């Protein structure tokens, strides 16, 4: 399994790709951070890998 994460550009909180994919748009879970994170913010390579292997990334 390939671990895919995204780091908030404002507060550096790390979010799992499966959380971004499930919600598509979400507020950063970091304390006092109002940044909006989106699945489309992942690199194209990471998005494709995640979508091609979605069954491996279930919570």
Protein backbone atom coordinates (compact mmCIF):
# COMPACT_ATOMS: atom_id res chain seq x y z
CA UNK A 1 0.00 0.00 0.00
CA UNK A 2 1.18 3.49 -0.89
CA UNK A 3 0.40 6.06 1.84
CA UNK A 4 -0.93 9.27 0.27
CA UNK A 5 -1.22 12.43 2.36
CA UNK A 6 -1.61 16.14 1.79
CA UNK A 7 -0.06 18.83 3.98
CA UNK A 8 -2.02 22.01 4.64
CA UNK A 9 -0.06 24.90 3.12
CA UNK A 10 -0.99 27.22 6.03
CA UNK A 11 -0.54 25.15 9.20
CA UNK A 12 1.24 21.98 7.98
CA UNK A 13 -1.47 19.63 9.29
CA UNK A 14 -1.30 16.31 7.43
CA UNK A 15 -4.54 14.93 5.97
CA UNK A 16 -4.98 11.47 4.44
CA UNK A 17 -6.00 11.27 0.79
CA UNK A 18 -8.97 9.06 1.62
CA UNK A 19 -10.40 11.85 3.81
CA UNK A 20 -9.99 14.34 0.99
CA UNK A 21 -11.53 11.96 -1.54
CA UNK A 22 -14.50 11.15 0.67
CA UNK A 23 -15.29 14.81 1.37
CA UNK A 24 -13.81 16.35 -1.84
CA UNK A 25 -13.79 19.72 -0.03
CA UNK A 26 -13.11 20.08 3.68
CA UNK A 27 -11.92 22.59 6.23
CA UNK A 28 -8.44 21.84 7.47
CA UNK A 29 -8.65 19.93 10.78
CA UNK A 30 -5.72 21.94 12.18
CA UNK A 31 -6.37 24.08 15.27
CA UNK A 32 -7.47 27.61 14.36
CA UNK A 33 -6.90 26.94 10.66
CA UNK A 34 -9.63 27.99 8.25
CA UNK A 35 -7.93 26.74 5.07
CA UNK A 36 -10.14 24.80 2.66
CA UNK A 37 -8.56 21.59 1.37
CA UNK A 38 -9.67 19.86 -1.82
CA UNK A 39 -9.06 16.45 -3.37
CA UNK A 40 -8.02 18.23 -6.57
CA UNK A 41 -5.11 19.78 -4.62
CA UNK A 42 -3.34 16.39 -4.62
CA UNK A 43 -0.80 15.83 -7.36
CA UNK A 44 -2.17 14.19 -10.50
CA UNK A 45 -0.03 11.09 -9.83
CA UNK A 46 -1.39 10.73 -6.28
CA UNK A 47 -5.00 11.25 -7.39
CA UNK A 48 -4.71 8.60 -10.10
CA UNK A 49 -2.99 6.10 -7.80
CA UNK A 50 -5.65 6.63 -5.14
CA UNK A 51 -8.56 6.32 -7.57
CA UNK A 52 -7.07 3.23 -9.22
CA UNK A 53 -6.59 1.51 -5.84
CA UNK A 54 -9.49 2.99 -3.87
CA UNK A 55 -10.43 -0.38 -2.32
CA UNK A 56 -7.07 -0.44 -0.49
CA UNK A 57 -7.73 2.93 1.20
CA UNK A 58 -10.89 2.27 3.18
CA UNK A 59 -11.20 3.62 6.72
